[in-house]
Amino acid sequence: NFALLADNLAVIVALTLGLIAAKAAVLYVLAIVFKLRGADR
């Protein structure tokens, strides 16, 4: 929905990047705990 996106561009982009960063952080910690290494992590 580009109309809604244009009206709330900063909020939507910030929420999207925040979601990706938060989930990536959780996943990275789990990768360490479950002993994934190198590029696999």
PDB file of all heavy atoms in Angstrom:
ATOM      1  N   ASN A   1       0.855  -1.189   0.000  1.00  0.00           N
ATOM      2  CA  ASN A   1       0.000   0.000   0.000  1.00  0.00           C
ATOM      3  C   ASN A   1       0.892   1.240   0.000  1.00  0.00           C
ATOM      4  O   ASN A   1       1.307   1.726   1.057  1.00  0.00           O
ATOM      5  CB  ASN A   1      -0.913  -0.022   1.226  1.00  0.00           C
ATOM      6  CG  ASN A   1      -1.955   1.086   1.193  1.00  0.00           C
ATOM      7  OD1 ASN A   1      -1.771   2.106   0.530  1.00  0.00           O
ATOM      8  ND2 ASN A   1      -3.050   0.885   1.912  1.00  0.00           N
ATOM      9  N   PHE A   2       1.178   1.741  -1.190  1.00  0.00           N
ATOM     10  CA  PHE A   2       2.133   2.845  -1.295  1.00  0.00           C
ATOM     11  C   PHE A   2       1.576   4.149  -0.737  1.00  0.00           C
ATOM     12  O   PHE A   2       2.341   5.008  -0.286  1.00  0.00           O
ATOM     13  CB  PHE A   2       2.567   3.023  -2.753  1.00  0.00           C
ATOM     14  CG  PHE A   2       3.510   1.953  -3.224  1.00  0.00           C
ATOM     15  CD1 PHE A   2       3.041   0.881  -3.968  1.00  0.00           C
ATOM     16  CD2 PHE A   2       4.856   1.999  -2.894  1.00  0.00           C
ATOM     17  CE1 PHE A   2       3.897  -0.121  -4.396  1.00  0.00           C
ATOM     18  CE2 PHE A   2       5.731   1.002  -3.318  1.00  0.00           C
ATOM     19  CZ  PHE A   2       5.246  -0.069  -4.073  1.00  0.00           C
ATOM     20  N   ALA A   3       0.257   4.320  -0.770  1.00  0.00           N
ATOM     21  CA  ALA A   3      -0.337   5.539  -0.197  1.00  0.00           C
ATOM     22  C   ALA A   3      -0.111   5.573   1.312  1.00  0.00           C
ATOM     23  O   ALA A   3       0.330   6.593   1.871  1.00  0.00           O
ATOM     24  CB  ALA A   3      -1.824   5.588  -0.527  1.00  0.00           C
ATOM     25  N   LEU A   4      -0.397   4.449   1.980  1.00  0.00           N
ATOM     26  CA  LEU A   4      -0.169   4.369   3.425  1.00  0.00           C
ATOM     27  C   LEU A   4       1.317   4.454   3.741  1.00  0.00           C
ATOM     28  O   LEU A   4       1.719   5.082   4.734  1.00  0.00           O
ATOM     29  CB  LEU A   4      -0.752   3.058   3.965  1.00  0.00           C
ATOM     30  CG  LEU A   4      -0.624   2.822   5.475  1.00  0.00           C
ATOM     31  CD1 LEU A   4      -1.335   3.912   6.257  1.00  0.00           C
ATOM     32  CD2 LEU A   4      -1.165   1.436   5.850  1.00  0.00           C
ATOM     33  N   LEU A   5       2.128   3.852   2.886  1.00  0.00           N
ATOM     34  CA  LEU A   5       3.578   3.902   3.094  1.00  0.00           C
ATOM     35  C   LEU A   5       4.098   5.334   2.991  1.00  0.00           C
ATOM     36  O   LEU A   5       4.942   5.759   3.801  1.00  0.00           O
ATOM     37  CB  LEU A   5       4.282   3.011   2.064  1.00  0.00           C
ATOM     38  CG  LEU A   5       5.808   2.979   2.111  1.00  0.00           C
ATOM     39  CD1 LEU A   5       6.296   2.449   3.454  1.00  0.00           C
ATOM     40  CD2 LEU A   5       6.356   2.122   0.971  1.00  0.00           C
ATOM     41  N   ALA A   6       3.593   6.082   2.018  1.00  0.00           N
ATOM     42  CA  ALA A   6       4.035   7.468   1.848  1.00  0.00           C
ATOM     43  C   ALA A   6       3.635   8.336   3.045  1.00  0.00           C
ATOM     44  O   ALA A   6       4.402   9.203   3.483  1.00  0.00           O
ATOM     45  CB  ALA A   6       3.452   8.047   0.561  1.00  0.00           C
ATOM     46  N   ASP A   7       2.449   8.077   3.584  1.00  0.00           N
ATOM     47  CA  ASP A   7       1.977   8.870   4.725  1.00  0.00           C
ATOM     48  C   ASP A   7       2.746   8.562   6.009  1.00  0.00           C
ATOM     49  O   ASP A   7       2.817   9.393   6.913  1.00  0.00           O
ATOM     50  CB  ASP A   7       0.479   8.618   4.961  1.00  0.00           C
ATOM     51  CG  ASP A   7      -0.375   9.160   3.819  1.00  0.00           C
ATOM     52  OD1 ASP A   7       0.105  10.050   3.102  1.00  0.00           O
ATOM     53  OD2 ASP A   7      -1.517   8.661   3.650  1.00  0.00           O
ATOM     54  N   ASN A   8       3.288   7.337   6.105  1.00  0.00           N
ATOM     55  CA  ASN A   8       3.979   6.925   7.340  1.00  0.00           C
ATOM     56  C   ASN A   8       5.365   6.359   7.012  1.00  0.00           C
ATOM     57  O   ASN A   8       5.803   5.377   7.631  1.00  0.00           O
ATOM     58  CB  ASN A   8       3.152   5.861   8.076  1.00  0.00           C
ATOM     59  CG  ASN A   8       1.764   6.324   8.427  1.00  0.00           C
ATOM     60  OD1 ASN A   8       1.534   6.932   9.451  1.00  0.00           O
ATOM     61  ND2 ASN A   8       0.804   6.016   7.537  1.00  0.00           N
ATOM     62  N   LEU A   9       6.036   6.972   6.051  1.00  0.00           N
ATOM     63  CA  LEU A   9       7.272   6.411   5.528  1.00  0.00           C
ATOM     64  C   LEU A   9       8.327   6.202   6.607  1.00  0.00           C
ATOM     65  O   LEU A   9       8.885   5.095   6.749  1.00  0.00           O
ATOM     66  CB  LEU A   9       7.837   7.311   4.422  1.00  0.00           C
ATOM     67  CG  LEU A   9       9.120   6.793   3.747  1.00  0.00           C
ATOM     68  CD1 LEU A   9       8.851   5.453   3.076  1.00  0.00           C
ATOM     69  CD2 LEU A   9       9.632   7.817   2.735  1.00  0.00           C
ATOM     70  N   ALA A  10       8.593   7.222   7.393  1.00  0.00           N
ATOM     71  CA  ALA A  10       9.657   7.132   8.402  1.00  0.00           C
ATOM     72  C   ALA A  10       9.333   6.059   9.438  1.00  0.00           C
ATOM     73  O   ALA A  10      10.203   5.263   9.817  1.00  0.00           O
ATOM     74  CB  ALA A  10       9.854   8.489   9.084  1.00  0.00           C
ATOM     75  N   VAL A  11       8.074   6.026   9.878  1.00  0.00           N
ATOM     76  CA  VAL A  11       7.671   5.057  10.901  1.00  0.00           C
ATOM     77  C   VAL A  11       7.781   3.631  10.363  1.00  0.00           C
ATOM     78  O   VAL A  11       8.343   2.736  11.027  1.00  0.00           O
ATOM     79  CB  VAL A  11       6.233   5.342  11.383  1.00  0.00           C
ATOM     80  CG1 VAL A  11       5.760   4.242  12.324  1.00  0.00           C
ATOM     81  CG2 VAL A  11       6.167   6.697  12.066  1.00  0.00           C
ATOM     82  N   ILE A  12       7.248   3.399   9.168  1.00  0.00           N
ATOM     83  CA  ILE A  12       7.241   2.046   8.591  1.00  0.00           C
ATOM     84  C   ILE A  12       8.658   1.557   8.343  1.00  0.00           C
ATOM     85  O   ILE A  12       9.010   0.409   8.667  1.00  0.00           O
ATOM     86  CB  ILE A  12       6.427   2.010   7.284  1.00  0.00           C
ATOM     87  CG1 ILE A  12       4.976   2.429   7.526  1.00  0.00           C
ATOM     88  CG2 ILE A  12       6.487   0.616   6.648  1.00  0.00           C
ATOM     89  CD1 ILE A  12       4.235   1.529   8.471  1.00  0.00           C
ATOM     90  N   VAL A  13       9.490   2.417   7.768  1.00  0.00           N
ATOM     91  CA  VAL A  13      10.881   2.020   7.490  1.00  0.00           C
ATOM     92  C   VAL A  13      11.623   1.738   8.794  1.00  0.00           C
ATOM     93  O   VAL A  13      12.372   0.756   8.905  1.00  0.00           O
ATOM     94  CB  VAL A  13      11.606   3.118   6.682  1.00  0.00           C
ATOM     95  CG1 VAL A  13      13.109   2.816   6.585  1.00  0.00           C
ATOM     96  CG2 VAL A  13      11.006   3.223   5.285  1.00  0.00           C
ATOM     97  N   ALA A  14      11.417   2.587   9.803  1.00  0.00           N
ATOM     98  CA  ALA A  14      12.087   2.379  11.092  1.00  0.00           C
ATOM     99  C   ALA A  14      11.635   1.073  11.739  1.00  0.00           C
ATOM    100  O   ALA A  14      12.456   0.310  12.266  1.00  0.00           O
ATOM    101  CB  ALA A  14      11.790   3.558  12.019  1.00  0.00           C
ATOM    102  N   LEU A  15      10.336   0.797  11.684  1.00  0.00           N
ATOM    103  CA  LEU A  15       9.823  -0.455  12.262  1.00  0.00           C
ATOM    104  C   LEU A  15      10.372  -1.672  11.514  1.00  0.00           C
ATOM    105  O   LEU A  15      10.719  -2.691  12.128  1.00  0.00           O
ATOM    106  CB  LEU A  15       8.296  -0.468  12.223  1.00  0.00           C
ATOM    107  CG  LEU A  15       7.575   0.489  13.183  1.00  0.00           C
ATOM    108  CD1 LEU A  15       6.065   0.461  12.935  1.00  0.00           C
ATOM    109  CD2 LEU A  15       7.873   0.115  14.644  1.00  0.00           C
ATOM    110  N   THR A  16      10.451  -1.553  10.191  1.00  0.00           N
ATOM    111  CA  THR A  16      10.958  -2.677   9.388  1.00  0.00           C
ATOM    112  C   THR A  16      12.421  -2.964   9.702  1.00  0.00           C
ATOM    113  O   THR A  16      12.804  -4.116   9.955  1.00  0.00           O
ATOM    114  CB  THR A  16      10.803  -2.374   7.887  1.00  0.00           C
ATOM    115  OG1 THR A  16       9.430  -2.103   7.589  1.00  0.00           O
ATOM    116  CG2 THR A  16      11.274  -3.555   7.046  1.00  0.00           C
ATOM    117  N   LEU A  17      13.237  -1.912   9.696  1.00  0.00           N
ATOM    118  CA  LEU A  17      14.660  -2.097   9.989  1.00  0.00           C
ATOM    119  C   LEU A  17      14.866  -2.554  11.435  1.00  0.00           C
ATOM    120  O   LEU A  17      15.744  -3.381  11.716  1.00  0.00           O
ATOM    121  CB  LEU A  17      15.414  -0.790   9.726  1.00  0.00           C
ATOM    122  CG  LEU A  17      15.438  -0.315   8.265  1.00  0.00           C
ATOM    123  CD1 LEU A  17      16.192   1.013   8.145  1.00  0.00           C
ATOM    124  CD2 LEU A  17      16.072  -1.364   7.359  1.00  0.00           C
ATOM    125  N   GLY A  18      14.037  -2.033  12.334  1.00  0.00           N
ATOM    126  CA  GLY A  18      14.133  -2.456  13.731  1.00  0.00           C
ATOM    127  C   GLY A  18      13.784  -3.925  13.898  1.00  0.00           C
ATOM    128  O   GLY A  18      14.440  -4.651  14.668  1.00  0.00           O
ATOM    129  N   LEU A  19      12.741  -4.372  13.185  1.00  0.00           N
ATOM    130  CA  LEU A  19      12.357  -5.783  13.248  1.00  0.00           C
ATOM    131  C   LEU A  19      13.484  -6.677  12.751  1.00  0.00           C
ATOM    132  O   LEU A  19      13.843  -7.675  13.393  1.00  0.00           O
ATOM    133  CB  LEU A  19      11.094  -6.013  12.415  1.00  0.00           C
ATOM    134  CG  LEU A  19      10.681  -7.482  12.240  1.00  0.00           C
ATOM    135  CD1 LEU A  19      10.250  -8.074  13.579  1.00  0.00           C
ATOM    136  CD2 LEU A  19       9.567  -7.610  11.207  1.00  0.00           C
ATOM    137  N   ILE A  20      14.060  -6.321  11.599  1.00  0.00           N
ATOM    138  CA  ILE A  20      15.149  -7.124  11.028  1.00  0.00           C
ATOM    139  C   ILE A  20      16.342  -7.162  11.982  1.00  0.00           C
ATOM    140  O   ILE A  20      16.937  -8.226  12.210  1.00  0.00           O
ATOM    141  CB  ILE A  20      15.558  -6.563   9.647  1.00  0.00           C
ATOM    142  CG1 ILE A  20      14.418  -6.785   8.639  1.00  0.00           C
ATOM    143  CG2 ILE A  20      16.841  -7.194   9.153  1.00  0.00           C
ATOM    144  CD1 ILE A  20      14.667  -6.152   7.288  1.00  0.00           C
ATOM    145  N   ALA A  21      16.675  -6.010  12.558  1.00  0.00           N
ATOM    146  CA  ALA A  21      17.814  -5.951  13.477  1.00  0.00           C
ATOM    147  C   ALA A  21      17.553  -6.786  14.733  1.00  0.00           C
ATOM    148  O   ALA A  21      18.430  -7.521  15.197  1.00  0.00           O
ATOM    149  CB  ALA A  21      18.098  -4.498  13.856  1.00  0.00           C
ATOM    150  N   ALA A  22      16.337  -6.689  15.278  1.00  0.00           N
ATOM    151  CA  ALA A  22      16.010  -7.419  16.506  1.00  0.00           C
ATOM    152  C   ALA A  22      16.034  -8.932  16.270  1.00  0.00           C
ATOM    153  O   ALA A  22      16.618  -9.694  17.055  1.00  0.00           O
ATOM    154  CB  ALA A  22      14.642  -6.985  17.026  1.00  0.00           C
ATOM    155  N   LYS A  23      15.414  -9.368  15.176  1.00  0.00           N
ATOM    156  CA  LYS A  23      15.379 -10.808  14.893  1.00  0.00           C
ATOM    157  C   LYS A  23      16.775 -11.329  14.562  1.00  0.00           C
ATOM    158  O   LYS A  23      17.154 -12.438  14.969  1.00  0.00           O
ATOM    159  CB  LYS A  23      14.418 -11.114  13.747  1.00  0.00           C
ATOM    160  CG  LYS A  23      12.961 -10.886  14.103  1.00  0.00           C
ATOM    161  CD  LYS A  23      12.014 -11.344  13.014  1.00  0.00           C
ATOM    162  CE  LYS A  23      11.958 -12.852  12.909  1.00  0.00           C
ATOM    163  NZ  LYS A  23      10.924 -13.300  11.950  1.00  0.00           N
ATOM    164  N   ALA A  24      17.553 -10.536  13.830  1.00  0.00           N
ATOM    165  CA  ALA A  24      18.919 -10.953  13.500  1.00  0.00           C
ATOM    166  C   ALA A  24      19.759 -11.097  14.768  1.00  0.00           C
ATOM    167  O   ALA A  24      20.573 -12.018  14.884  1.00  0.00           O
ATOM    168  CB  ALA A  24      19.561  -9.948  12.542  1.00  0.00           C
ATOM    169  N   ALA A  25      19.543 -10.200  15.720  1.00  0.00           N
ATOM    170  CA  ALA A  25      20.294 -10.273  16.976  1.00  0.00           C
ATOM    171  C   ALA A  25      19.938 -11.540  17.748  1.00  0.00           C
ATOM    172  O   ALA A  25      20.815 -12.247  18.264  1.00  0.00           O
ATOM    173  CB  ALA A  25      20.002  -9.034  17.832  1.00  0.00           C
ATOM    174  N   VAL A  26      18.636 -11.843  17.830  1.00  0.00           N
ATOM    175  CA  VAL A  26      18.202 -13.074  18.507  1.00  0.00           C
ATOM    176  C   VAL A  26      18.793 -14.300  17.813  1.00  0.00           C
ATOM    177  O   VAL A  26      19.310 -15.225  18.463  1.00  0.00           O
ATOM    178  CB  VAL A  26      16.658 -13.157  18.522  1.00  0.00           C
ATOM    179  CG1 VAL A  26      16.199 -14.532  19.025  1.00  0.00           C
ATOM    180  CG2 VAL A  26      16.074 -12.056  19.395  1.00  0.00           C
ATOM    181  N   LEU A  27      18.722 -14.316  16.496  1.00  0.00           N
ATOM    182  CA  LEU A  27      19.229 -15.452  15.724  1.00  0.00           C
ATOM    183  C   LEU A  27      20.737 -15.611  15.871  1.00  0.00           C
ATOM    184  O   LEU A  27      21.252 -16.735  15.954  1.00  0.00           O
ATOM    185  CB  LEU A  27      18.853 -15.273  14.244  1.00  0.00           C
ATOM    186  CG  LEU A  27      17.358 -15.423  13.926  1.00  0.00           C
ATOM    187  CD1 LEU A  27      17.032 -14.783  12.580  1.00  0.00           C
ATOM    188  CD2 LEU A  27      16.958 -16.889  13.921  1.00  0.00           C
ATOM    189  N   TYR A  28      21.445 -14.498  15.897  1.00  0.00           N
ATOM    190  CA  TYR A  28      22.905 -14.567  16.028  1.00  0.00           C
ATOM    191  C   TYR A  28      23.300 -15.150  17.389  1.00  0.00           C
ATOM    192  O   TYR A  28      24.219 -15.971  17.482  1.00  0.00           O
ATOM    193  CB  TYR A  28      23.516 -13.174  15.850  1.00  0.00           C
ATOM    194  CG  TYR A  28      25.022 -13.195  15.674  1.00  0.00           C
ATOM    195  CD1 TYR A  28      25.588 -13.430  14.430  1.00  0.00           C
ATOM    196  CD2 TYR A  28      25.872 -12.987  16.760  1.00  0.00           C
ATOM    197  CE1 TYR A  28      26.968 -13.459  14.260  1.00  0.00           C
ATOM    198  CE2 TYR A  28      27.242 -13.011  16.610  1.00  0.00           C
ATOM    199  CZ  TYR A  28      27.784 -13.249  15.351  1.00  0.00           C
ATOM    200  OH  TYR A  28      29.147 -13.296  15.197  1.00  0.00           O
ATOM    201  N   VAL A  29      22.583 -14.720  18.430  1.00  0.00           N
ATOM    202  CA  VAL A  29      22.859 -15.268  19.770  1.00  0.00           C
ATOM    203  C   VAL A  29      22.587 -16.767  19.792  1.00  0.00           C
ATOM    204  O   VAL A  29      23.371 -17.559  20.334  1.00  0.00           O
ATOM    205  CB  VAL A  29      22.011 -14.540  20.828  1.00  0.00           C
ATOM    206  CG1 VAL A  29      22.109 -15.249  22.180  1.00  0.00           C
ATOM    207  CG2 VAL A  29      22.464 -13.082  20.970  1.00  0.00           C
ATOM    208  N   LEU A  30      21.483 -17.176  19.190  1.00  0.00           N
ATOM    209  CA  LEU A  30      21.155 -18.606  19.139  1.00  0.00           C
ATOM    210  C   LEU A  30      22.183 -19.383  18.320  1.00  0.00           C
ATOM    211  O   LEU A  30      22.500 -20.537  18.642  1.00  0.00           O
ATOM    212  CB  LEU A  30      19.756 -18.802  18.545  1.00  0.00           C
ATOM    213  CG  LEU A  30      18.586 -18.330  19.414  1.00  0.00           C
ATOM    214  CD1 LEU A  30      17.268 -18.473  18.676  1.00  0.00           C
ATOM    215  CD2 LEU A  30      18.539 -19.105  20.725  1.00  0.00           C
ATOM    216  N   ALA A  31      22.690 -18.753  17.271  1.00  0.00           N
ATOM    217  CA  ALA A  31      23.721 -19.410  16.459  1.00  0.00           C
ATOM    218  C   ALA A  31      24.972 -19.682  17.293  1.00  0.00           C
ATOM    219  O   ALA A  31      25.617 -20.732  17.148  1.00  0.00           O
ATOM    220  CB  ALA A  31      24.067 -18.543  15.249  1.00  0.00           C
ATOM    221  N   ILE A  32      25.299 -18.748  18.179  1.00  0.00           N
ATOM    222  CA  ILE A  32      26.450 -18.946  19.064  1.00  0.00           C
ATOM    223  C   ILE A  32      26.165 -20.070  20.062  1.00  0.00           C
ATOM    224  O   ILE A  32      26.990 -20.958  20.281  1.00  0.00           O
ATOM    225  CB  ILE A  32      26.776 -17.636  19.814  1.00  0.00           C
ATOM    226  CG1 ILE A  32      27.228 -16.550  18.818  1.00  0.00           C
ATOM    227  CG2 ILE A  32      27.858 -17.870  20.867  1.00  0.00           C
ATOM    228  CD1 ILE A  32      27.420 -15.188  19.453  1.00  0.00           C
ATOM    229  N   VAL A  33      24.961 -20.027  20.648  1.00  0.00           N
ATOM    230  CA  VAL A  33      24.588 -21.042  21.645  1.00  0.00           C
ATOM    231  C   VAL A  33      24.592 -22.440  21.043  1.00  0.00           C
ATOM    232  O   VAL A  33      25.061 -23.401  21.660  1.00  0.00           O
ATOM    233  CB  VAL A  33      23.205 -20.723  22.249  1.00  0.00           C
ATOM    234  CG1 VAL A  33      22.731 -21.853  23.148  1.00  0.00           C
ATOM    235  CG2 VAL A  33      23.257 -19.402  23.020  1.00  0.00           C
ATOM    236  N   PHE A  34      24.094 -22.560  19.812  1.00  0.00           N
ATOM    237  CA  PHE A  34      24.008 -23.871  19.159  1.00  0.00           C
ATOM    238  C   PHE A  34      25.240 -24.179  18.306  1.00  0.00           C
ATOM    239  O   PHE A  34      25.230 -25.067  17.464  1.00  0.00           O
ATOM    240  CB  PHE A  34      22.739 -23.958  18.311  1.00  0.00           C
ATOM    241  CG  PHE A  34      21.502 -24.205  19.142  1.00  0.00           C
ATOM    242  CD1 PHE A  34      20.853 -23.152  19.780  1.00  0.00           C
ATOM    243  CD2 PHE A  34      20.996 -25.481  19.293  1.00  0.00           C
ATOM    244  CE1 PHE A  34      19.722 -23.367  20.557  1.00  0.00           C
ATOM    245  CE2 PHE A  34      19.859 -25.713  20.059  1.00  0.00           C
ATOM    246  CZ  PHE A  34      19.224 -24.647  20.701  1.00  0.00           C
ATOM    247  N   LYS A  35      26.293 -23.381  18.511  1.00  0.00           N
ATOM    248  CA  LYS A  35      27.628 -23.671  17.977  1.00  0.00           C
ATOM    249  C   LYS A  35      27.706 -23.677  16.456  1.00  0.00           C
ATOM    250  O   LYS A  35      28.437 -24.461  15.863  1.00  0.00           O
ATOM    251  CB  LYS A  35      28.145 -25.006  18.535  1.00  0.00           C
ATOM    252  CG  LYS A  35      28.281 -25.007  20.058  1.00  0.00           C
ATOM    253  CD  LYS A  35      28.807 -26.331  20.585  1.00  0.00           C
ATOM    254  CE  LYS A  35      28.935 -26.297  22.108  1.00  0.00           C
ATOM    255  NZ  LYS A  35      29.426 -27.570  22.670  1.00  0.00           N
ATOM    256  N   LEU A  36      26.946 -22.773  15.822  1.00  0.00           N
ATOM    257  CA  LEU A  36      27.172 -22.521  14.397  1.00  0.00           C
ATOM    258  C   LEU A  36      28.399 -21.636  14.280  1.00  0.00           C
ATOM    259  O   LEU A  36      28.628 -20.759  15.112  1.00  0.00           O
ATOM    260  CB  LEU A  36      25.957 -21.836  13.771  1.00  0.00           C
ATOM    261  CG  LEU A  36      24.686 -22.684  13.633  1.00  0.00           C
ATOM    262  CD1 LEU A  36      23.570 -21.853  13.032  1.00  0.00           C
ATOM    263  CD2 LEU A  36      24.940 -23.912  12.794  1.00  0.00           C
ATOM    264  N   ARG A  37      29.177 -21.845  13.237  1.00  0.00           N
ATOM    265  CA  ARG A  37      30.441 -21.111  13.124  1.00  0.00           C
ATOM    266  C   ARG A  37      30.571 -20.435  11.756  1.00  0.00           C
ATOM    267  O   ARG A  37      29.930 -20.825  10.790  1.00  0.00           O
ATOM    268  CB  ARG A  37      31.628 -22.054  13.348  1.00  0.00           C
ATOM    269  CG  ARG A  37      31.757 -22.547  14.776  1.00  0.00           C
ATOM    270  CD  ARG A  37      32.944 -23.491  14.933  1.00  0.00           C
ATOM    271  NE  ARG A  37      33.203 -23.822  16.326  1.00  0.00           N
ATOM    272  CZ  ARG A  37      32.550 -24.744  17.012  1.00  0.00           C
ATOM    273  NH1 ARG A  37      31.595 -25.435  16.414  1.00  0.00           N
ATOM    274  NH2 ARG A  37      32.824 -24.985  18.268  1.00  0.00           N
ATOM    275  N   GLY A  38      31.448 -19.451  11.746  1.00  0.00           N
ATOM    276  CA  GLY A  38      31.834 -18.820  10.492  1.00  0.00           C
ATOM    277  C   GLY A  38      30.662 -18.229   9.730  1.00  0.00           C
ATOM    278  O   GLY A  38      29.754 -17.604  10.281  1.00  0.00           O
ATOM    279  N   ALA A  39      30.674 -18.469   8.417  1.00  0.00           N
ATOM    280  CA  ALA A  39      29.639 -17.911   7.549  1.00  0.00           C
ATOM    281  C   ALA A  39      28.265 -18.472   7.862  1.00  0.00           C
ATOM    282  O   ALA A  39      27.247 -17.807   7.644  1.00  0.00           O
ATOM    283  CB  ALA A  39      30.006 -18.176   6.084  1.00  0.00           C
ATOM    284  N   ASP A  40      28.198 -19.702   8.390  1.00  0.00           N
ATOM    285  CA  ASP A  40      26.911 -20.309   8.730  1.00  0.00           C
ATOM    286  C   ASP A  40      26.169 -19.487   9.772  1.00  0.00           C
ATOM    287  O   ASP A  40      24.939 -19.382   9.735  1.00  0.00           O
ATOM    288  CB  ASP A  40      27.118 -21.733   9.263  1.00  0.00           C
ATOM    289  CG  ASP A  40      27.371 -22.729   8.156  1.00  0.00           C
ATOM    290  OD1 ASP A  40      26.616 -22.712   7.171  1.00  0.00           O
ATOM    291  OD2 ASP A  40      28.328 -23.501   8.254  1.00  0.00           O
ATOM    292  N   ARG A  41      26.905 -18.921  10.706  1.00  0.00           N
ATOM    293  CA  ARG A  41      26.302 -18.105  11.760  1.00  0.00           C
ATOM    294  C   ARG A  41      25.596 -16.892  11.151  1.00  0.00           C
ATOM    295  O   ARG A  41      24.467 -16.560  11.518  1.00  0.00           O
ATOM    296  CB  ARG A  41      27.377 -17.673  12.747  1.00  0.00           C
ATOM    297  CG  ARG A  41      26.878 -16.930  13.961  1.00  0.00           C
ATOM    298  CD  ARG A  41      28.034 -16.597  14.892  1.00  0.00           C
ATOM    299  NE  ARG A  41      28.621 -17.812  15.469  1.00  0.00           N
ATOM    300  CZ  ARG A  41      29.717 -17.817  16.232  1.00  0.00           C
ATOM    301  NH1 ARG A  41      30.352 -16.666  16.474  1.00  0.00           N
ATOM    302  NH2 ARG A  41      30.175 -18.947  16.735  1.00  0.00           N
TER     303      ARG A  41
END
